[in-house]
Amino acid sequence: MGNHIHLLLKEEQEELGIIMRRIGASYVYWYNRKYQRCGHLFQDRYKSEAVEDDRYFLTVLRYIHRNPVKAGMVKDIAEYKLSSYSEYMGNSKIIDTDLYLSCLMMIGKKQL
């Protein structure tokens, strides 16, 4: 995954397009400054898909975390240092894991 990233974002006060522009502009500024270059970095517009239910949310999150394993970059999800996986495994520092945990609880209750 040297040429793309996966993000799972919750849209609240700002539209996704604005959020992505901010992320992209900040990254391009940092990258160009670090490598003493200028100009565009990204080839295409980002792709997005709405997550509208708990089951799909968990499916997407699992896909994102397992992607480096499927790509053959690591053997274990926890080995991939650019993942938020460790945040969900109890070392949460920057990720709000409450939504994930509440989805697990809701699905668990429905299956009982």
N, C-alpha and C. Protein backbone atom coordinates (compact mmCIF):
# COMPACT_ATOMS: atom_id res chain seq x y z
N MET A 1 0.83 -1.19 0.00
CA MET A 1 0.00 0.00 0.00
C MET A 1 0.87 1.25 0.00
N GLY A 2 1.87 1.24 -0.81
CA GLY A 2 2.73 2.40 -0.88
C GLY A 2 2.12 3.55 -1.67
N ASN A 3 1.00 3.29 -2.33
CA ASN A 3 0.43 4.34 -3.17
C ASN A 3 -0.97 4.78 -2.76
N HIS A 4 -1.45 4.31 -1.59
CA HIS A 4 -2.78 4.75 -1.14
C HIS A 4 -2.94 4.49 0.35
N ILE A 5 -3.97 5.08 0.90
CA ILE A 5 -4.31 4.86 2.31
C ILE A 5 -5.79 4.57 2.42
N HIS A 6 -6.18 3.99 3.53
CA HIS A 6 -7.60 3.78 3.83
C HIS A 6 -7.93 4.57 5.09
N LEU A 7 -8.99 5.33 5.03
CA LEU A 7 -9.46 6.09 6.18
C LEU A 7 -10.92 5.77 6.42
N LEU A 8 -11.29 5.67 7.68
CA LEU A 8 -12.69 5.50 8.06
C LEU A 8 -13.02 6.70 8.93
N LEU A 9 -13.77 7.64 8.35
CA LEU A 9 -14.05 8.91 9.02
C LEU A 9 -15.53 9.05 9.32
N LYS A 10 -15.81 9.70 10.44
CA LYS A 10 -17.20 10.01 10.77
C LYS A 10 -17.43 11.49 10.43
N GLU A 11 -18.38 11.70 9.56
CA GLU A 11 -18.73 13.05 9.15
C GLU A 11 -19.64 13.66 10.21
N GLU A 12 -19.23 14.77 10.78
CA GLU A 12 -20.07 15.40 11.80
C GLU A 12 -20.38 16.84 11.43
N GLN A 13 -19.44 17.72 11.63
CA GLN A 13 -19.70 19.15 11.41
C GLN A 13 -19.27 19.62 10.03
N GLU A 14 -18.31 18.93 9.43
CA GLU A 14 -17.83 19.32 8.11
C GLU A 14 -18.11 18.21 7.11
N GLU A 15 -18.31 18.60 5.87
CA GLU A 15 -18.53 17.64 4.80
C GLU A 15 -17.24 16.90 4.49
N LEU A 16 -17.36 15.70 3.97
CA LEU A 16 -16.21 14.87 3.67
C LEU A 16 -15.25 15.56 2.71
N GLY A 17 -15.77 16.25 1.72
CA GLY A 17 -14.91 16.94 0.76
C GLY A 17 -14.00 17.96 1.43
N ILE A 18 -14.53 18.69 2.38
CA ILE A 18 -13.73 19.69 3.10
C ILE A 18 -12.67 19.01 3.96
N ILE A 19 -13.07 17.92 4.63
CA ILE A 19 -12.13 17.18 5.47
C ILE A 19 -10.98 16.65 4.62
N MET A 20 -11.30 16.06 3.48
CA MET A 20 -10.27 15.48 2.62
C MET A 20 -9.36 16.56 2.03
N ARG A 21 -9.93 17.71 1.70
CA ARG A 21 -9.08 18.80 1.20
C ARG A 21 -8.09 19.24 2.27
N ARG A 22 -8.55 19.34 3.50
CA ARG A 22 -7.66 19.74 4.60
C ARG A 22 -6.55 18.72 4.83
N ILE A 23 -6.93 17.44 4.86
CA ILE A 23 -5.94 16.39 5.05
C ILE A 23 -4.94 16.40 3.89
N GLY A 24 -5.46 16.46 2.68
CA GLY A 24 -4.59 16.46 1.50
C GLY A 24 -3.66 17.65 1.46
N ALA A 25 -4.20 18.84 1.70
CA ALA A 25 -3.37 20.04 1.66
C ALA A 25 -2.29 20.01 2.73
N SER A 26 -2.64 19.57 3.92
CA SER A 26 -1.65 19.49 5.01
C SER A 26 -0.54 18.50 4.67
N TYR A 27 -0.93 17.35 4.11
CA TYR A 27 0.07 16.34 3.77
C TYR A 27 0.96 16.83 2.64
N VAL A 28 0.37 17.40 1.61
CA VAL A 28 1.17 17.89 0.48
C VAL A 28 2.14 18.97 0.95
N TYR A 29 1.70 19.87 1.80
CA TYR A 29 2.57 20.91 2.34
C TYR A 29 3.74 20.28 3.09
N TRP A 30 3.44 19.32 3.99
CA TRP A 30 4.50 18.65 4.76
C TRP A 30 5.47 17.92 3.84
N TYR A 31 4.92 17.13 2.90
CA TYR A 31 5.74 16.32 2.01
C TYR A 31 6.64 17.20 1.13
N ASN A 32 6.08 18.22 0.52
CA ASN A 32 6.85 19.10 -0.35
C ASN A 32 7.95 19.83 0.42
N ARG A 33 7.64 20.22 1.62
CA ARG A 33 8.63 20.90 2.45
C ARG A 33 9.75 19.94 2.86
N LYS A 34 9.38 18.74 3.27
CA LYS A 34 10.37 17.74 3.70
C LYS A 34 11.31 17.36 2.58
N TYR A 35 10.77 17.15 1.38
CA TYR A 35 11.57 16.68 0.26
C TYR A 35 11.95 17.80 -0.71
N GLN A 36 11.79 19.02 -0.29
CA GLN A 36 12.18 20.22 -1.05
C GLN A 36 11.68 20.15 -2.50
N ARG A 37 10.39 20.01 -2.61
CA ARG A 37 9.77 19.97 -3.92
C ARG A 37 8.51 20.82 -3.91
N CYS A 38 7.87 20.97 -5.06
CA CYS A 38 6.61 21.70 -5.13
C CYS A 38 5.69 21.01 -6.13
N GLY A 39 4.42 21.33 -6.03
CA GLY A 39 3.47 20.78 -6.97
C GLY A 39 2.55 19.74 -6.38
N HIS A 40 1.78 19.12 -7.26
CA HIS A 40 0.78 18.13 -6.86
C HIS A 40 1.42 16.80 -6.47
N LEU A 41 0.77 16.09 -5.59
CA LEU A 41 1.21 14.74 -5.21
C LEU A 41 0.20 13.69 -5.63
N PHE A 42 -1.06 14.03 -5.60
CA PHE A 42 -2.11 13.06 -5.81
C PHE A 42 -2.56 13.05 -7.26
N GLN A 43 -2.77 11.83 -7.77
CA GLN A 43 -3.16 11.66 -9.17
C GLN A 43 -4.65 11.85 -9.37
N ASP A 44 -5.45 11.24 -8.54
CA ASP A 44 -6.89 11.26 -8.71
C ASP A 44 -7.58 11.79 -7.47
N ARG A 45 -8.86 12.05 -7.62
CA ARG A 45 -9.71 12.41 -6.48
C ARG A 45 -9.86 11.19 -5.59
N TYR A 46 -10.07 11.41 -4.33
CA TYR A 46 -10.29 10.30 -3.40
C TYR A 46 -11.59 9.58 -3.74
N LYS A 47 -11.68 8.35 -3.32
CA LYS A 47 -12.90 7.57 -3.50
C LYS A 47 -13.54 7.40 -2.13
N SER A 48 -14.85 7.44 -2.08
CA SER A 48 -15.53 7.30 -0.80
C SER A 48 -16.78 6.44 -0.94
N GLU A 49 -17.17 5.87 0.16
CA GLU A 49 -18.36 5.04 0.21
C GLU A 49 -19.02 5.25 1.56
N ALA A 50 -20.31 5.47 1.56
CA ALA A 50 -21.04 5.71 2.81
C ALA A 50 -21.17 4.42 3.62
N VAL A 51 -20.98 4.55 4.92
CA VAL A 51 -21.18 3.44 5.85
C VAL A 51 -22.42 3.78 6.65
N GLU A 52 -23.49 3.03 6.41
CA GLU A 52 -24.77 3.43 6.98
C GLU A 52 -25.34 2.48 8.03
N ASP A 53 -24.64 1.37 8.32
CA ASP A 53 -25.12 0.51 9.39
C ASP A 53 -23.94 -0.10 10.15
N ASP A 54 -24.23 -0.63 11.33
CA ASP A 54 -23.19 -1.13 12.23
C ASP A 54 -22.40 -2.30 11.63
N ARG A 55 -23.10 -3.21 11.00
CA ARG A 55 -22.42 -4.37 10.42
C ARG A 55 -21.42 -3.95 9.35
N TYR A 56 -21.84 -3.05 8.49
CA TYR A 56 -20.95 -2.60 7.42
C TYR A 56 -19.77 -1.82 8.00
N PHE A 57 -20.01 -1.03 9.02
CA PHE A 57 -18.95 -0.31 9.70
C PHE A 57 -17.87 -1.29 10.18
N LEU A 58 -18.29 -2.37 10.84
CA LEU A 58 -17.33 -3.36 11.34
C LEU A 58 -16.63 -4.08 10.18
N THR A 59 -17.35 -4.33 9.09
CA THR A 59 -16.74 -4.96 7.91
C THR A 59 -15.66 -4.08 7.31
N VAL A 60 -15.96 -2.79 7.19
CA VAL A 60 -14.98 -1.85 6.62
C VAL A 60 -13.76 -1.73 7.53
N LEU A 61 -13.99 -1.63 8.82
CA LEU A 61 -12.88 -1.51 9.77
C LEU A 61 -11.99 -2.76 9.72
N ARG A 62 -12.61 -3.94 9.66
CA ARG A 62 -11.85 -5.19 9.55
C ARG A 62 -11.05 -5.22 8.24
N TYR A 63 -11.67 -4.80 7.14
CA TYR A 63 -10.98 -4.77 5.84
C TYR A 63 -9.75 -3.86 5.90
N ILE A 64 -9.92 -2.69 6.48
CA ILE A 64 -8.80 -1.75 6.58
C ILE A 64 -7.66 -2.35 7.40
N HIS A 65 -7.98 -2.94 8.53
CA HIS A 65 -6.93 -3.48 9.38
C HIS A 65 -6.26 -4.72 8.79
N ARG A 66 -7.00 -5.52 8.02
CA ARG A 66 -6.43 -6.73 7.44
C ARG A 66 -5.72 -6.47 6.11
N ASN A 67 -5.89 -5.33 5.52
CA ASN A 67 -5.33 -5.03 4.20
C ASN A 67 -3.82 -5.23 4.12
N PRO A 68 -3.03 -4.77 5.08
CA PRO A 68 -1.57 -4.99 4.98
C PRO A 68 -1.19 -6.48 5.02
N VAL A 69 -1.98 -7.30 5.71
CA VAL A 69 -1.73 -8.74 5.74
C VAL A 69 -2.05 -9.33 4.37
N LYS A 70 -3.20 -8.97 3.80
CA LYS A 70 -3.58 -9.46 2.47
C LYS A 70 -2.59 -9.03 1.41
N ALA A 71 -2.00 -7.85 1.58
CA ALA A 71 -1.04 -7.33 0.61
C ALA A 71 0.34 -7.96 0.80
N GLY A 72 0.51 -8.79 1.84
CA GLY A 72 1.78 -9.45 2.08
C GLY A 72 2.84 -8.56 2.71
N MET A 73 2.43 -7.45 3.27
CA MET A 73 3.39 -6.51 3.87
C MET A 73 3.81 -6.95 5.26
N VAL A 74 2.92 -7.61 5.98
CA VAL A 74 3.19 -8.14 7.32
C VAL A 74 2.46 -9.47 7.47
N LYS A 75 2.88 -10.24 8.47
CA LYS A 75 2.19 -11.51 8.73
C LYS A 75 1.09 -11.35 9.76
N ASP A 76 1.22 -10.36 10.62
CA ASP A 76 0.25 -10.12 11.67
C ASP A 76 -0.18 -8.66 11.63
N ILE A 77 -1.45 -8.41 11.82
CA ILE A 77 -1.99 -7.04 11.76
C ILE A 77 -1.25 -6.10 12.69
N ALA A 78 -0.91 -6.57 13.87
CA ALA A 78 -0.26 -5.73 14.88
C ALA A 78 1.13 -5.27 14.45
N GLU A 79 1.74 -5.92 13.48
CA GLU A 79 3.08 -5.55 13.02
C GLU A 79 3.08 -4.30 12.15
N TYR A 80 1.96 -3.95 11.57
CA TYR A 80 1.91 -2.83 10.64
C TYR A 80 1.82 -1.53 11.42
N LYS A 81 2.92 -0.78 11.42
CA LYS A 81 3.02 0.40 12.28
C LYS A 81 2.16 1.58 11.84
N LEU A 82 1.70 1.59 10.61
CA LEU A 82 0.89 2.71 10.13
C LEU A 82 -0.60 2.46 10.29
N SER A 83 -0.96 1.49 11.11
CA SER A 83 -2.36 1.12 11.32
C SER A 83 -2.87 1.66 12.65
N SER A 84 -4.18 1.80 12.73
CA SER A 84 -4.81 2.18 14.00
C SER A 84 -5.20 0.95 14.81
N TYR A 85 -4.79 -0.22 14.36
CA TYR A 85 -5.17 -1.48 15.01
C TYR A 85 -4.86 -1.46 16.51
N SER A 86 -3.68 -1.01 16.89
CA SER A 86 -3.31 -1.01 18.32
C SER A 86 -4.21 -0.09 19.13
N GLU A 87 -4.76 0.95 18.49
CA GLU A 87 -5.69 1.85 19.17
C GLU A 87 -6.94 1.08 19.61
N TYR A 88 -7.38 0.17 18.77
CA TYR A 88 -8.58 -0.60 19.07
C TYR A 88 -8.30 -1.75 20.04
N MET A 89 -7.03 -2.08 20.20
CA MET A 89 -6.66 -3.18 21.09
C MET A 89 -6.29 -2.67 22.49
N GLY A 90 -6.66 -1.43 22.81
CA GLY A 90 -6.51 -0.94 24.17
C GLY A 90 -5.49 0.15 24.37
N ASN A 91 -4.77 0.53 23.33
CA ASN A 91 -3.77 1.58 23.46
C ASN A 91 -4.25 2.88 22.81
N SER A 92 -5.52 3.19 22.97
CA SER A 92 -6.12 4.33 22.28
C SER A 92 -5.53 5.66 22.75
N LYS A 93 -4.98 6.39 21.78
CA LYS A 93 -4.40 7.71 22.06
C LYS A 93 -5.05 8.80 21.20
N ILE A 94 -5.31 8.46 19.94
CA ILE A 94 -5.86 9.48 19.04
C ILE A 94 -7.19 9.07 18.40
N ILE A 95 -7.54 7.81 18.47
CA ILE A 95 -8.77 7.30 17.85
C ILE A 95 -9.88 7.23 18.90
N ASP A 96 -11.07 7.66 18.53
CA ASP A 96 -12.23 7.50 19.40
C ASP A 96 -12.83 6.13 19.12
N THR A 97 -12.53 5.18 19.99
CA THR A 97 -12.96 3.80 19.76
C THR A 97 -14.36 3.52 20.29
N ASP A 98 -15.02 4.51 20.87
CA ASP A 98 -16.35 4.31 21.44
C ASP A 98 -17.37 3.86 20.39
N LEU A 99 -17.33 4.43 19.20
CA LEU A 99 -18.27 4.05 18.15
C LEU A 99 -18.11 2.58 17.79
N TYR A 100 -16.87 2.13 17.66
CA TYR A 100 -16.57 0.74 17.36
C TYR A 100 -17.12 -0.18 18.45
N LEU A 101 -16.83 0.17 19.69
CA LEU A 101 -17.27 -0.66 20.81
C LEU A 101 -18.80 -0.70 20.91
N SER A 102 -19.45 0.43 20.68
CA SER A 102 -20.91 0.45 20.74
C SER A 102 -21.52 -0.39 19.62
N CYS A 103 -20.91 -0.40 18.44
CA CYS A 103 -21.39 -1.24 17.35
C CYS A 103 -21.26 -2.72 17.69
N LEU A 104 -20.15 -3.07 18.31
CA LEU A 104 -19.97 -4.47 18.73
C LEU A 104 -21.04 -4.88 19.73
N MET A 105 -21.33 -3.98 20.67
CA MET A 105 -22.34 -4.28 21.69
C MET A 105 -23.72 -4.43 21.06
N MET A 106 -24.07 -3.53 20.14
CA MET A 106 -25.38 -3.58 19.50
C MET A 106 -25.55 -4.87 18.68
N ILE A 107 -24.54 -5.24 17.93
CA ILE A 107 -24.61 -6.45 17.13
C ILE A 107 -24.67 -7.67 18.03
N GLY A 108 -23.89 -7.65 19.11
CA GLY A 108 -23.91 -8.75 20.07
C GLY A 108 -25.29 -8.93 20.69
N LYS A 109 -25.97 -7.86 21.01
CA LYS A 109 -27.32 -7.93 21.59
C LYS A 109 -28.32 -8.47 20.58
N LYS A 110 -28.17 -8.08 19.30
CA LYS A 110 -29.09 -8.54 18.26
C LYS A 110 -28.95 -10.03 18.02
N GLN A 111 -27.75 -10.56 18.22
CA GLN A 111 -27.51 -11.98 17.94
C GLN A 111 -27.96 -12.87 19.10
N LEU A 112 -28.20 -12.31 20.27
CA LEU A 112 -28.62 -13.12 21.42
C LEU A 112 -30.03 -13.59 21.33
